[in-house]
């Protein structure tokens, strides 16, 4: 761990261990989840569901991807009927993306499947470990909150 990480981190948090555990958990859960779309497409669709409709440029910035990458994602989402692109009436050069009912059903299914996978993993823990996770939920949600 570098000195700059230690300097900004409370001594009671093992940042490297937390980071690795969260990454591994996300990777393993994603591997077990049979998604009909890639993780980037699902992420973009979740963002549009939560914040949309969104301008494509705003969505690309939010997702941290290039406009070219977003263009490929949007093409798949549109082709599969999960999202709809419309031209901005005030600026014909700009487009908006909104989720469709089919896209909402897809995300509901992904969330349900993910919850089943996480539930099965929780079953492997002791009652004490499950309690510790429950107590840590507020902190984990704060860690994942957007600025």
C-alpha atoms as a PDB file:
ATOM      1  CA  UNK A   1       0.000   0.000   0.000  1.00  0.00           C
ATOM      2  CA  UNK A   2       1.389   3.403  -0.891  1.00  0.00           C
ATOM      3  CA  UNK A   3       1.968   6.128   1.661  1.00  0.00           C
ATOM      4  CA  UNK A   4      -0.689   8.344   0.028  1.00  0.00           C
ATOM      5  CA  UNK A   5      -3.345   5.646   0.486  1.00  0.00           C
ATOM      6  CA  UNK A   6      -2.348   5.119   4.122  1.00  0.00           C
ATOM      7  CA  UNK A   7      -2.344   8.856   4.779  1.00  0.00           C
ATOM      8  CA  UNK A   8      -5.986   9.235   3.640  1.00  0.00           C
ATOM      9  CA  UNK A   9      -7.313   6.009   5.129  1.00  0.00           C
ATOM     10  CA  UNK A  10      -8.342   5.380   8.717  1.00  0.00           C
ATOM     11  CA  UNK A  11      -6.000   2.919  10.400  1.00  0.00           C
ATOM     12  CA  UNK A  12      -8.873   0.547  11.198  1.00  0.00           C
ATOM     13  CA  UNK A  13      -9.727  -0.098   7.518  1.00  0.00           C
ATOM     14  CA  UNK A  14      -7.614  -2.515   5.502  1.00  0.00           C
ATOM     15  CA  UNK A  15      -8.183  -0.811   2.153  1.00  0.00           C
ATOM     16  CA  UNK A  16      -6.370  -3.389   0.032  1.00  0.00           C
ATOM     17  CA  UNK A  17      -8.304  -6.255   1.621  1.00  0.00           C
ATOM     18  CA  UNK A  18     -11.655  -4.438   1.308  1.00  0.00           C
ATOM     19  CA  UNK A  19     -10.953  -3.508  -2.307  1.00  0.00           C
ATOM     20  CA  UNK A  20      -9.950  -7.045  -3.237  1.00  0.00           C
ATOM     21  CA  UNK A  21     -12.947  -8.598  -1.464  1.00  0.00           C
ATOM     22  CA  UNK A  22     -15.402  -6.258  -3.195  1.00  0.00           C
ATOM     23  CA  UNK A  23     -13.788  -6.836  -6.593  1.00  0.00           C
ATOM     24  CA  UNK A  24     -13.736 -10.591  -6.148  1.00  0.00           C
ATOM     25  CA  UNK A  25     -17.352 -10.651  -4.925  1.00  0.00           C
ATOM     26  CA  UNK A  26     -18.496  -8.583  -7.907  1.00  0.00           C
ATOM     27  CA  UNK A  27     -16.521 -10.724 -10.359  1.00  0.00           C
ATOM     28  CA  UNK A  28     -17.749 -14.029  -8.905  1.00  0.00           C
ATOM     29  CA  UNK A  29     -21.355 -12.864  -8.746  1.00  0.00           C
ATOM     30  CA  UNK A  30     -21.208 -11.585 -12.335  1.00  0.00           C
ATOM     31  CA  UNK A  31     -19.682 -14.895 -13.468  1.00  0.00           C
ATOM     32  CA  UNK A  32     -22.527 -16.859 -11.890  1.00  0.00           C
ATOM     33  CA  UNK A  33     -25.145 -14.540 -13.370  1.00  0.00           C
ATOM     34  CA  UNK A  34     -26.327 -15.489 -16.843  1.00  0.00           C
ATOM     35  CA  UNK A  35     -26.951 -12.054 -18.332  1.00  0.00           C
ATOM     36  CA  UNK A  36     -28.324 -11.626 -21.835  1.00  0.00           C
ATOM     37  CA  UNK A  37     -26.168  -8.487 -22.225  1.00  0.00           C
ATOM     38  CA  UNK A  38     -22.684  -7.466 -21.199  1.00  0.00           C
ATOM     39  CA  UNK A  39     -22.028  -5.721 -17.900  1.00  0.00           C
ATOM     40  CA  UNK A  40     -21.478  -2.342 -19.603  1.00  0.00           C
ATOM     41  CA  UNK A  41     -24.825  -2.562 -21.365  1.00  0.00           C
ATOM     42  CA  UNK A  42     -26.603  -3.537 -18.151  1.00  0.00           C
ATOM     43  CA  UNK A  43     -24.884  -0.676 -16.314  1.00  0.00           C
ATOM     44  CA  UNK A  44     -25.946   1.847 -18.955  1.00  0.00           C
ATOM     45  CA  UNK A  45     -29.514   0.545 -18.872  1.00  0.00           C
ATOM     46  CA  UNK A  46     -29.609   0.804 -15.061  1.00  0.00           C
ATOM     47  CA  UNK A  47     -28.424   4.409 -15.305  1.00  0.00           C
ATOM     48  CA  UNK A  48     -31.086   5.248 -17.886  1.00  0.00           C
ATOM     49  CA  UNK A  49     -33.734   3.572 -15.744  1.00  0.00           C
ATOM     50  CA  UNK A  50     -32.655   5.526 -12.655  1.00  0.00           C
ATOM     51  CA  UNK A  51     -31.847   8.928 -14.222  1.00  0.00           C
ATOM     52  CA  UNK A  52     -33.381   8.858 -17.684  1.00  0.00           C
ATOM     53  CA  UNK A  53     -34.222   9.758 -20.227  1.00  0.00           C
ATOM     54  CA  UNK A  54     -30.639  10.905 -20.728  1.00  0.00           C
ATOM     55  CA  UNK A  55     -28.711  12.593 -23.495  1.00  0.00           C
ATOM     56  CA  UNK A  56     -26.234  10.145 -24.975  1.00  0.00           C
ATOM     57  CA  UNK A  57     -23.269  12.383 -24.149  1.00  0.00           C
ATOM     58  CA  UNK A  58     -24.355  12.618 -20.518  1.00  0.00           C
ATOM     59  CA  UNK A  59     -24.760   8.844 -20.348  1.00  0.00           C
ATOM     60  CA  UNK A  60     -21.277   8.284 -21.798  1.00  0.00           C
ATOM     61  CA  UNK A  61     -19.771  10.659 -19.215  1.00  0.00           C
ATOM     62  CA  UNK A  62     -21.691   9.031 -16.380  1.00  0.00           C
ATOM     63  CA  UNK A  63     -20.593   5.542 -17.415  1.00  0.00           C
ATOM     64  CA  UNK A  64     -17.001   6.664 -18.033  1.00  0.00           C
ATOM     65  CA  UNK A  65     -16.951   5.378 -21.601  1.00  0.00           C
ATOM     66  CA  UNK A  66     -16.237   6.919 -24.981  1.00  0.00           C
ATOM     67  CA  UNK A  67     -19.055   8.037 -27.261  1.00  0.00           C
ATOM     68  CA  UNK A  68     -18.000   5.310 -29.732  1.00  0.00           C
ATOM     69  CA  UNK A  69     -18.361   2.617 -27.056  1.00  0.00           C
ATOM     70  CA  UNK A  70     -21.706   4.047 -25.991  1.00  0.00           C
ATOM     71  CA  UNK A  71     -22.853   4.049 -29.604  1.00  0.00           C
ATOM     72  CA  UNK A  72     -22.256   0.285 -29.805  1.00  0.00           C
ATOM     73  CA  UNK A  73     -24.050  -0.272 -26.484  1.00  0.00           C
ATOM     74  CA  UNK A  74     -27.031   1.847 -27.555  1.00  0.00           C
ATOM     75  CA  UNK A  75     -27.260   0.008 -30.867  1.00  0.00           C
ATOM     76  CA  UNK A  76     -27.576  -3.319 -29.022  1.00  0.00           C
ATOM     77  CA  UNK A  77     -30.057  -1.938 -26.492  1.00  0.00           C
ATOM     78  CA  UNK A  78     -32.208  -0.544 -29.300  1.00  0.00           C
ATOM     79  CA  UNK A  79     -31.939  -3.642 -31.482  1.00  0.00           C
ATOM     80  CA  UNK A  80     -33.007  -5.878 -28.586  1.00  0.00           C
ATOM     81  CA  UNK A  81     -35.857  -3.520 -27.674  1.00  0.00           C
ATOM     82  CA  UNK A  82     -34.525  -2.588 -24.209  1.00  0.00           C
ATOM     83  CA  UNK A  83     -34.150   1.136 -24.924  1.00  0.00           C
ATOM     84  CA  UNK A  84     -35.440   3.748 -27.345  1.00  0.00           C
ATOM     85  CA  UNK A  85     -33.415   6.596 -28.816  1.00  0.00           C
ATOM     86  CA  UNK A  86     -35.137   9.842 -29.769  1.00  0.00           C
ATOM     87  CA  UNK A  87     -33.807  12.995 -31.371  1.00  0.00           C
ATOM     88  CA  UNK A  88     -33.809  16.132 -29.246  1.00  0.00           C
ATOM     89  CA  UNK A  89     -36.458  18.471 -30.634  1.00  0.00           C
ATOM     90  CA  UNK A  90     -34.401  21.547 -29.678  1.00  0.00           C
ATOM     91  CA  UNK A  91     -31.034  20.247 -30.894  1.00  0.00           C
ATOM     92  CA  UNK A  92     -31.325  17.783 -33.784  1.00  0.00           C
ATOM     93  CA  UNK A  93     -27.643  16.807 -33.304  1.00  0.00           C
ATOM     94  CA  UNK A  94     -28.419  15.413 -29.858  1.00  0.00           C
ATOM     95  CA  UNK A  95     -30.252  12.232 -28.886  1.00  0.00           C
ATOM     96  CA  UNK A  96     -31.997  10.993 -25.761  1.00  0.00           C
ATOM     97  CA  UNK A  97     -32.145   7.432 -24.517  1.00  0.00           C
ATOM     98  CA  UNK A  98     -35.022   6.029 -22.499  1.00  0.00           C
ATOM     99  CA  UNK A  99     -35.720   2.569 -21.175  1.00  0.00           C
ATOM    100  CA  UNK A 100     -38.603   0.516 -22.552  1.00  0.00           C
ATOM    101  CA  UNK A 101     -40.951  -1.821 -20.700  1.00  0.00           C
ATOM    102  CA  UNK A 102     -38.887  -4.709 -22.050  1.00  0.00           C
ATOM    103  CA  UNK A 103     -35.749  -3.104 -20.615  1.00  0.00           C
ATOM    104  CA  UNK A 104     -37.420  -2.776 -17.208  1.00  0.00           C
ATOM    105  CA  UNK A 105     -38.410  -6.450 -17.308  1.00  0.00           C
ATOM    106  CA  UNK A 106     -34.831  -7.385 -18.206  1.00  0.00           C
ATOM    107  CA  UNK A 107     -33.424  -5.426 -15.261  1.00  0.00           C
ATOM    108  CA  UNK A 108     -36.031  -6.888 -12.900  1.00  0.00           C
ATOM    109  CA  UNK A 109     -34.930 -10.372 -13.977  1.00  0.00           C
ATOM    110  CA  UNK A 110     -31.233  -9.558 -13.584  1.00  0.00           C
ATOM    111  CA  UNK A 111     -31.866  -8.146 -10.111  1.00  0.00           C
ATOM    112  CA  UNK A 112     -33.923 -11.190  -9.127  1.00  0.00           C
ATOM    113  CA  UNK A 113     -31.244 -13.588 -10.401  1.00  0.00           C
ATOM    114  CA  UNK A 114     -28.473 -11.607  -8.675  1.00  0.00           C
ATOM    115  CA  UNK A 115     -30.425 -11.625  -5.394  1.00  0.00           C
ATOM    116  CA  UNK A 116     -30.750 -15.429  -5.618  1.00  0.00           C
ATOM    117  CA  UNK A 117     -27.009 -15.790  -6.178  1.00  0.00           C
ATOM    118  CA  UNK A 118     -26.176 -13.474  -3.277  1.00  0.00           C
ATOM    119  CA  UNK A 119     -28.714 -15.247  -1.065  1.00  0.00           C
ATOM    120  CA  UNK A 120     -27.074 -18.599  -1.801  1.00  0.00           C
ATOM    121  CA  UNK A 121     -23.679 -17.131  -0.898  1.00  0.00           C
ATOM    122  CA  UNK A 122     -25.087 -15.669   2.324  1.00  0.00           C
ATOM    123  CA  UNK A 123     -26.314 -19.131   3.292  1.00  0.00           C
ATOM    124  CA  UNK A 124     -22.662 -20.206   3.505  1.00  0.00           C
ATOM    125  CA  UNK A 125     -21.933 -17.620   6.195  1.00  0.00           C
ATOM    126  CA  UNK A 126     -22.324 -17.940   9.917  1.00  0.00           C
ATOM    127  CA  UNK A 127     -25.027 -15.954  11.714  1.00  0.00           C
ATOM    128  CA  UNK A 128     -22.288 -13.710  13.092  1.00  0.00           C
ATOM    129  CA  UNK A 129     -20.900 -13.005   9.613  1.00  0.00           C
ATOM    130  CA  UNK A 130     -24.388 -12.230   8.251  1.00  0.00           C
ATOM    131  CA  UNK A 131     -24.916  -9.849  11.167  1.00  0.00           C
ATOM    132  CA  UNK A 132     -21.629  -8.108  10.430  1.00  0.00           C
ATOM    133  CA  UNK A 133     -22.699  -7.641   6.803  1.00  0.00           C
ATOM    134  CA  UNK A 134     -26.052  -6.249   7.882  1.00  0.00           C
ATOM    135  CA  UNK A 135     -24.312  -3.745  10.145  1.00  0.00           C
ATOM    136  CA  UNK A 136     -21.950  -2.782   7.300  1.00  0.00           C
ATOM    137  CA  UNK A 137     -24.678  -2.096   4.717  1.00  0.00           C
ATOM    138  CA  UNK A 138     -24.928   1.643   5.447  1.00  0.00           C
ATOM    139  CA  UNK A 139     -21.169   2.020   5.052  1.00  0.00           C
ATOM    140  CA  UNK A 140     -21.089  -0.056   1.856  1.00  0.00           C
ATOM    141  CA  UNK A 141     -23.938   1.996   0.375  1.00  0.00           C
ATOM    142  CA  UNK A 142     -22.095   5.206   1.282  1.00  0.00           C
ATOM    143  CA  UNK A 143     -18.952   3.858  -0.414  1.00  0.00           C
ATOM    144  CA  UNK A 144     -20.887   3.221  -3.626  1.00  0.00           C
ATOM    145  CA  UNK A 145     -22.799   6.523  -3.601  1.00  0.00           C
ATOM    146  CA  UNK A 146     -22.140   8.892  -6.456  1.00  0.00           C
ATOM    147  CA  UNK A 147     -20.746  12.310  -5.682  1.00  0.00           C
END
